[in-house]
Structures are given as C-alpha cells and as structure tokens.
Protein backbone atom coordinates (compact mmCIF):
# COMPACT_ATOMS: atom_id res chain seq x y z
CA MET A 1 -29.24 -120.71 51.35
CA LYS A 2 -32.24 -120.16 49.10
CA PRO A 3 -31.90 -121.16 45.42
CA ALA A 4 -32.59 -117.59 44.29
CA THR A 5 -29.79 -116.28 46.51
CA ALA A 6 -27.38 -118.91 45.21
CA ILE A 7 -28.24 -117.96 41.62
CA ARG A 8 -27.65 -114.28 42.34
CA ILE A 9 -24.26 -114.99 43.92
CA ALA A 10 -23.28 -117.24 41.02
CA LEU A 11 -24.25 -114.59 38.46
CA LEU A 12 -22.32 -111.92 40.38
CA LEU A 13 -19.19 -114.09 40.59
CA ALA A 14 -19.46 -115.00 36.90
CA SER A 15 -19.77 -111.33 35.97
CA LEU A 16 -16.72 -110.42 38.07
CA LEU A 17 -14.66 -113.25 36.56
CA GLY A 18 -15.74 -112.24 33.06
CA LEU A 19 -14.80 -108.61 33.72
CA GLU A 20 -11.44 -109.68 35.16
CA ALA A 21 -10.70 -111.82 32.11
CA ALA A 22 -11.77 -109.10 29.67
CA CYS A 23 -9.54 -106.54 31.38
CA ARG A 24 -6.53 -108.86 31.62
CA LEU A 25 -6.81 -109.99 27.98
CA GLY A 26 -7.03 -106.41 26.71
CA ALA A 27 -10.62 -106.58 25.49
CA ILE A 28 -11.36 -103.59 27.74
CA SER A 29 -8.94 -100.68 27.89
CA PRO A 30 -7.45 -99.89 31.33
CA LEU A 31 -8.37 -96.27 30.63
CA THR A 32 -12.02 -97.38 30.72
CA ILE A 33 -12.09 -99.73 33.68
CA VAL A 34 -9.55 -101.62 35.79
CA PRO A 35 -9.83 -105.29 36.75
CA PRO A 36 -11.83 -106.09 39.91
CA THR A 37 -8.69 -107.39 41.63
CA GLU A 38 -7.04 -103.99 41.15
CA MET A 39 -10.18 -102.30 42.48
CA LEU A 40 -9.89 -104.49 45.58
CA ARG A 41 -6.20 -103.72 45.93
CA GLY A 42 -6.93 -100.03 45.62
CA LEU A 43 -9.67 -100.33 48.23
CA ILE A 44 -7.24 -101.95 50.68
CA ALA A 45 -4.73 -99.18 50.01
CA VAL A 46 -7.37 -96.50 50.52
CA ALA A 47 -8.50 -98.12 53.78
CA GLY A 48 -4.95 -97.80 55.10
CA MET A 49 -4.81 -94.03 54.58
CA ALA A 50 -5.79 -91.92 57.57
CA ASP A 51 -6.86 -88.98 55.44
CA MET A 52 -9.13 -91.19 53.33
CA ARG A 53 -10.70 -92.68 56.46
CA GLN A 54 -11.46 -89.12 57.54
CA GLU A 55 -13.06 -88.41 54.15
CA VAL A 56 -15.23 -91.53 54.48
CA ALA A 57 -16.25 -90.56 58.01
CA THR A 58 -17.15 -87.06 56.79
CA THR A 59 -19.38 -88.44 54.04
CA LEU A 60 -21.08 -91.04 56.23
CA THR A 61 -21.75 -88.42 58.90
CA GLY A 62 -23.37 -86.14 56.34
CA ILE A 63 -25.48 -89.00 54.98
CA ALA A 64 -26.59 -90.02 58.48
CA CYS A 65 -27.58 -86.43 59.33
CA ALA A 66 -29.47 -85.95 56.06
CA ALA A 67 -31.26 -89.31 56.38
CA THR A 68 -32.23 -88.73 60.02
CA LEU A 69 -33.54 -85.23 59.37
CA SER A 70 -35.44 -86.35 56.28
CA VAL A 71 -37.10 -89.27 58.04
CA CYS A 72 -38.22 -87.11 60.98
CA ALA A 73 -39.33 -84.12 58.89
CA GLY A 74 -40.93 -86.28 56.21
CA PHE A 75 -42.92 -88.23 58.78
CA LEU A 76 -44.17 -85.09 60.54
CA LEU A 77 -45.04 -83.27 57.32
CA GLY A 78 -46.76 -86.38 55.97
CA CYS A 79 -48.90 -86.63 59.09
CA LEU A 80 -49.77 -82.93 58.92
CA LEU A 81 -50.78 -83.07 55.25
CA ARG A 82 -52.78 -86.24 55.90
CA ALA A 83 -54.67 -84.44 58.68
CA TRP A 84 -55.17 -81.27 56.58
CA PRO A 85 -56.78 -82.35 53.28
CA ARG A 86 -56.92 -78.86 51.76
CA ALA A 87 -53.20 -78.36 52.20
CA ARG A 88 -52.57 -81.81 50.74
CA VAL A 89 -54.63 -81.06 47.64
CA ALA A 90 -52.79 -77.75 47.22
CA THR A 91 -49.33 -79.32 47.51
CA GLU A 92 -49.89 -82.51 45.48
CA PRO A 93 -48.98 -80.85 42.12
CA LEU A 94 -45.76 -79.59 43.71
CA LEU A 95 -44.95 -83.03 45.08
CA ALA A 96 -45.58 -84.64 41.69
CA THR A 97 -43.04 -82.35 40.01
CA TYR A 98 -40.60 -81.96 42.89
CA TYR A 99 -37.80 -84.11 41.48
CA SER A 100 -37.91 -82.31 38.12
CA VAL A 101 -36.17 -79.34 39.80
CA PRO A 102 -32.35 -79.74 40.02
CA THR A 103 -31.70 -79.31 43.72
CA PHE A 104 -28.02 -78.48 43.15
CA ILE A 105 -28.92 -75.03 41.78
CA PHE A 106 -29.76 -73.94 45.33
CA TYR A 107 -26.21 -74.61 46.56
CA PRO A 108 -25.03 -70.95 46.23
CA MET A 109 -28.08 -69.84 48.21
CA PHE A 110 -27.33 -72.42 50.91
CA ILE A 111 -23.75 -71.12 51.12
CA VAL A 112 -25.12 -67.64 51.75
CA PHE A 113 -27.43 -68.97 54.49
CA PHE A 114 -25.14 -71.52 56.16
CA GLY A 115 -21.60 -70.58 55.09
CA MET A 116 -18.78 -72.53 53.44
CA ASN A 117 -19.07 -75.71 55.45
CA ARG A 118 -20.72 -79.14 55.34
CA ILE A 119 -24.22 -77.89 56.16
CA PRO A 120 -25.17 -77.04 52.52
CA ILE A 121 -24.21 -80.59 51.49
CA VAL A 122 -26.40 -82.05 54.24
CA VAL A 123 -29.26 -79.74 53.25
CA ILE A 124 -29.07 -80.94 49.64
CA GLY A 125 -29.17 -84.56 50.85
CA PHE A 126 -32.14 -83.68 53.03
CA MET A 127 -33.97 -82.03 50.13
CA PHE A 128 -33.44 -85.15 48.04
CA ALA A 129 -34.72 -87.48 50.73
CA PHE A 130 -37.54 -85.99 52.79
CA ILE A 131 -40.16 -85.99 50.00
CA ALA A 132 -39.87 -89.76 49.67
CA MET A 133 -40.54 -90.18 53.39
CA MET A 134 -43.42 -87.70 53.33
CA THR A 135 -45.24 -89.38 50.44
CA SER A 136 -44.70 -92.85 51.94
CA THR A 137 -46.13 -91.59 55.24
CA MET A 138 -49.26 -90.26 53.53
CA ASN A 139 -49.68 -93.46 51.52
CA GLY A 140 -49.27 -95.58 54.64
CA LEU A 141 -51.84 -93.59 56.61
CA ASP A 142 -54.25 -93.69 53.65
CA ARG A 143 -54.08 -97.48 53.63
CA VAL A 144 -54.96 -98.09 57.26
CA PRO A 145 -58.14 -100.23 57.02
CA ASN A 146 -61.25 -98.48 58.29
CA VAL A 147 -62.29 -101.67 60.05
CA LEU A 148 -59.32 -101.30 62.37
CA LEU A 149 -60.31 -97.75 63.23
CA ARG A 150 -63.89 -98.85 63.89
CA THR A 151 -62.58 -101.64 66.11
CA ALA A 152 -60.55 -99.07 68.07
CA ARG A 153 -63.66 -96.98 68.59
CA MET A 154 -65.63 -100.04 69.69
CA HIS A 155 -62.98 -100.74 72.33
CA ARG A 156 -63.05 -97.04 73.30
CA LEU A 157 -59.37 -96.50 72.69
CA GLY A 158 -58.14 -92.95 73.08
CA ALA A 159 -56.44 -91.01 70.30
CA VAL A 160 -52.93 -91.80 71.52
CA GLU A 161 -53.70 -95.50 71.98
CA THR A 162 -55.28 -95.67 68.53
CA ILE A 163 -52.21 -94.12 66.95
CA PHE A 164 -49.68 -96.38 68.65
CA ARG A 165 -51.71 -99.60 68.73
CA ILE A 166 -53.60 -99.40 65.44
CA VAL A 167 -52.46 -96.72 62.99
CA LEU A 168 -48.67 -96.96 63.19
CA PRO A 169 -48.50 -100.80 63.15
CA ALA A 170 -50.87 -100.90 60.16
CA ALA A 171 -48.88 -98.25 58.29
CA ALA A 172 -45.49 -99.67 59.31
CA PRO A 173 -44.65 -101.39 55.96
CA HIS A 174 -45.18 -98.15 54.05
CA LEU A 175 -43.30 -96.14 56.65
CA PHE A 176 -40.37 -98.54 56.44
CA THR A 177 -40.39 -98.19 52.65
CA GLY A 178 -40.15 -94.43 53.16
CA VAL A 179 -37.19 -94.90 55.49
CA LYS A 180 -35.39 -97.04 52.91
CA LEU A 181 -36.04 -94.52 50.15
CA ALA A 182 -34.96 -91.62 52.37
CA ILE A 183 -31.65 -93.33 53.15
CA ALA A 184 -31.08 -94.13 49.47
CA TYR A 185 -31.85 -90.56 48.39
CA ALA A 186 -29.62 -89.21 51.17
CA PHE A 187 -26.74 -91.24 49.72
CA VAL A 188 -27.49 -89.89 46.24
CA GLY A 189 -27.85 -86.29 47.38
CA VAL A 190 -24.76 -86.10 49.58
CA LEU A 191 -22.44 -88.01 47.24
CA GLY A 192 -23.72 -86.09 44.22
CA ALA A 193 -23.23 -82.76 45.97
CA GLU A 194 -19.71 -83.76 47.00
CA PHE A 195 -18.91 -84.89 43.46
CA ILE A 196 -20.08 -81.64 41.85
CA LEU A 197 -19.76 -78.94 44.48
CA SER A 198 -17.70 -79.91 47.51
CA GLY A 199 -14.01 -79.90 48.35
CA SER A 200 -14.13 -82.86 50.72
CA GLY A 201 -15.77 -86.23 51.14
CA VAL A 202 -15.85 -89.46 49.14
CA GLY A 203 -17.73 -87.84 46.26
CA TYR A 204 -15.04 -85.19 45.92
CA GLN A 205 -12.28 -87.81 46.05
CA ILE A 206 -13.99 -89.77 43.25
CA ALA A 207 -14.21 -86.61 41.13
CA PHE A 208 -10.57 -85.74 41.91
CA ALA A 209 -9.40 -89.24 40.90
CA PHE A 210 -11.53 -89.07 37.74
CA ASN A 211 -10.03 -85.73 36.70
CA GLY A 212 -6.53 -87.04 37.43
CA PHE A 213 -7.04 -90.29 35.46
CA ASP A 214 -6.35 -92.29 38.64
CA ASN A 215 -8.68 -95.14 37.71
CA GLU A 216 -7.50 -97.50 40.41
CA ARG A 217 -8.38 -95.07 43.21
CA MET A 218 -11.59 -93.95 41.51
CA TYR A 219 -12.92 -97.49 41.10
CA ALA A 220 -11.71 -98.40 44.59
CA LEU A 221 -13.83 -95.60 46.03
CA ILE A 222 -16.78 -96.57 43.84
CA LEU A 223 -16.39 -100.14 45.12
CA LEU A 224 -16.37 -98.78 48.68
CA VAL A 225 -19.60 -96.88 48.07
CA THR A 226 -21.16 -99.99 46.51
CA ILE A 227 -20.20 -102.14 49.51
CA VAL A 228 -21.54 -99.60 52.02
CA VAL A 229 -24.83 -99.13 50.14
CA GLY A 230 -25.24 -102.88 49.67
CA THR A 231 -24.62 -103.52 53.36
CA VAL A 232 -27.11 -100.85 54.43
CA ASN A 233 -29.75 -102.21 52.03
CA THR A 234 -29.18 -105.77 53.26
CA VAL A 235 -29.58 -104.71 56.91
CA LEU A 236 -32.75 -102.73 56.11
CA LEU A 237 -34.17 -105.64 54.13
CA GLY A 238 -33.60 -107.96 57.09
CA TRP A 239 -35.34 -105.54 59.45
CA GLU A 240 -38.23 -105.17 57.01
CA ARG A 241 -38.73 -108.93 56.77
CA ARG A 242 -38.71 -109.30 60.55
CA LEU A 243 -41.20 -106.46 60.81
CA GLN A 244 -43.50 -108.09 58.26
CA ARG A 245 -43.33 -111.41 60.11
CA ARG A 246 -44.28 -109.70 63.39
CA ILE A 247 -47.18 -107.87 61.75
CA SER A 248 -48.48 -111.00 60.02
CA ARG A 249 -48.68 -112.97 63.29
C-alpha cells in the first residue's frame, strides 16, 4: 500500500471515529445526523428489503442508460463539431453557459413528450452528462499532435487507419476523462431528478425519509449512494491508470 493511500484511509477512519464519538456523547443532535454505526445498520436493513432492492435497481438502470447515451451522443457530437469549425464557433457560447440553465425546468415538457414514466428522468440525466463528454471529445481531438498526423500521412495510412491507430489512442486520456465526467453527471442528474420530481428510485426514497424525519434510513441510503459512487470511481481510476501505462509504453 502506498503511503498516500494509507494516510487517506487513516484520515477517513479517524473522521468516522470522531463522528461516532460526537454523536454518542451528544455533541451532535440525532436530529442532525446519526452515528456511522447506525447508518451501517440501516444500510443492512435496507439491503434486506425486496422493495428497496427494486428501487436501487431502478435508479442504477436509469443512471446506466443516461451515462451510455451521453457517452455515445457526446462523442459523436464532439467529433461532428470538431470537423465543422463554423458550427463549433457558433455553439461555443451556448456550451459555455449550458450548466447555468436549470435542466429540471424541462421536466413537465418531457412528461408531455414521453409520458409519466422513467424516460423523463433518464433524459434529465442525459442532459446533465452529454455536454461533458462532448467538450472532452473536442479537447482530446484538438490535442492530437500534428507530428503524429504527418507520420500517418508519411506511412500512407487511410482515414480509417489514421483514426483508429493514431487519433483515438492519442485522444484516449481526454476521452476517458469525458467518460468519467459523464458517469458522474448522470448520477447527479438522475438522483437529483428522483429527489425533486420522481415517485420512485433511491433519490425519491431519500426525500421521503427526509420529509418523514427517518434519519437512519435517509443516511443509510446516502451511505449506499456514496459506496456505489466510490466503487465506480475506483474502478474507472484503475482502468484509466492501466490505459495510461499502455499509452506510455
């Protein structure tokens, strides 16, 4: 184990122990936050409920759909804008201010288009995520060294070979960053939409527990979300490091 990793783990454990002690000694009101051990107990109880497992599956399915659609659409749109400079110049002001528009205001319109189902939630997650993938795609393609493209022309590589052998490997770190951001934004979009607008999913269950002052269940679900997000980020970080090692060889 690396020293930095050991320090992070030690700080995390110390923080959890300090929070546990503060809650047990009454320094923090149970109406504000429950001890970590009660969060864990609530998480175990939630995991044993069939209806809660269904809610988790519903949320994760929506996140997976939103992330997949955003990565595919963002990559294609990024490539198109990179190949069409005039369109890119025209859309750059919109991209710069995109996240200043609250996406949730479009939810009633999505209900009209798609009906009262899970599709509007997925669409909101998609709208949160695809811009990050699109901008990362354009940045990655912009940073492909010209010397590599000249080398491809010297070796008389065709367009398809140049893309798959030169352009995509060179842009891979930026593309992978876009994938990570798209997944993160998909989590934010779907869970936020469920919290505010939906009647199902983990986000809705957190809001329901919050409104009912059921802190143990609320923090158990928040802990579940934290574990899932942390696991996904750890897996993506491992893939990114392996990719960087392969590229650097």
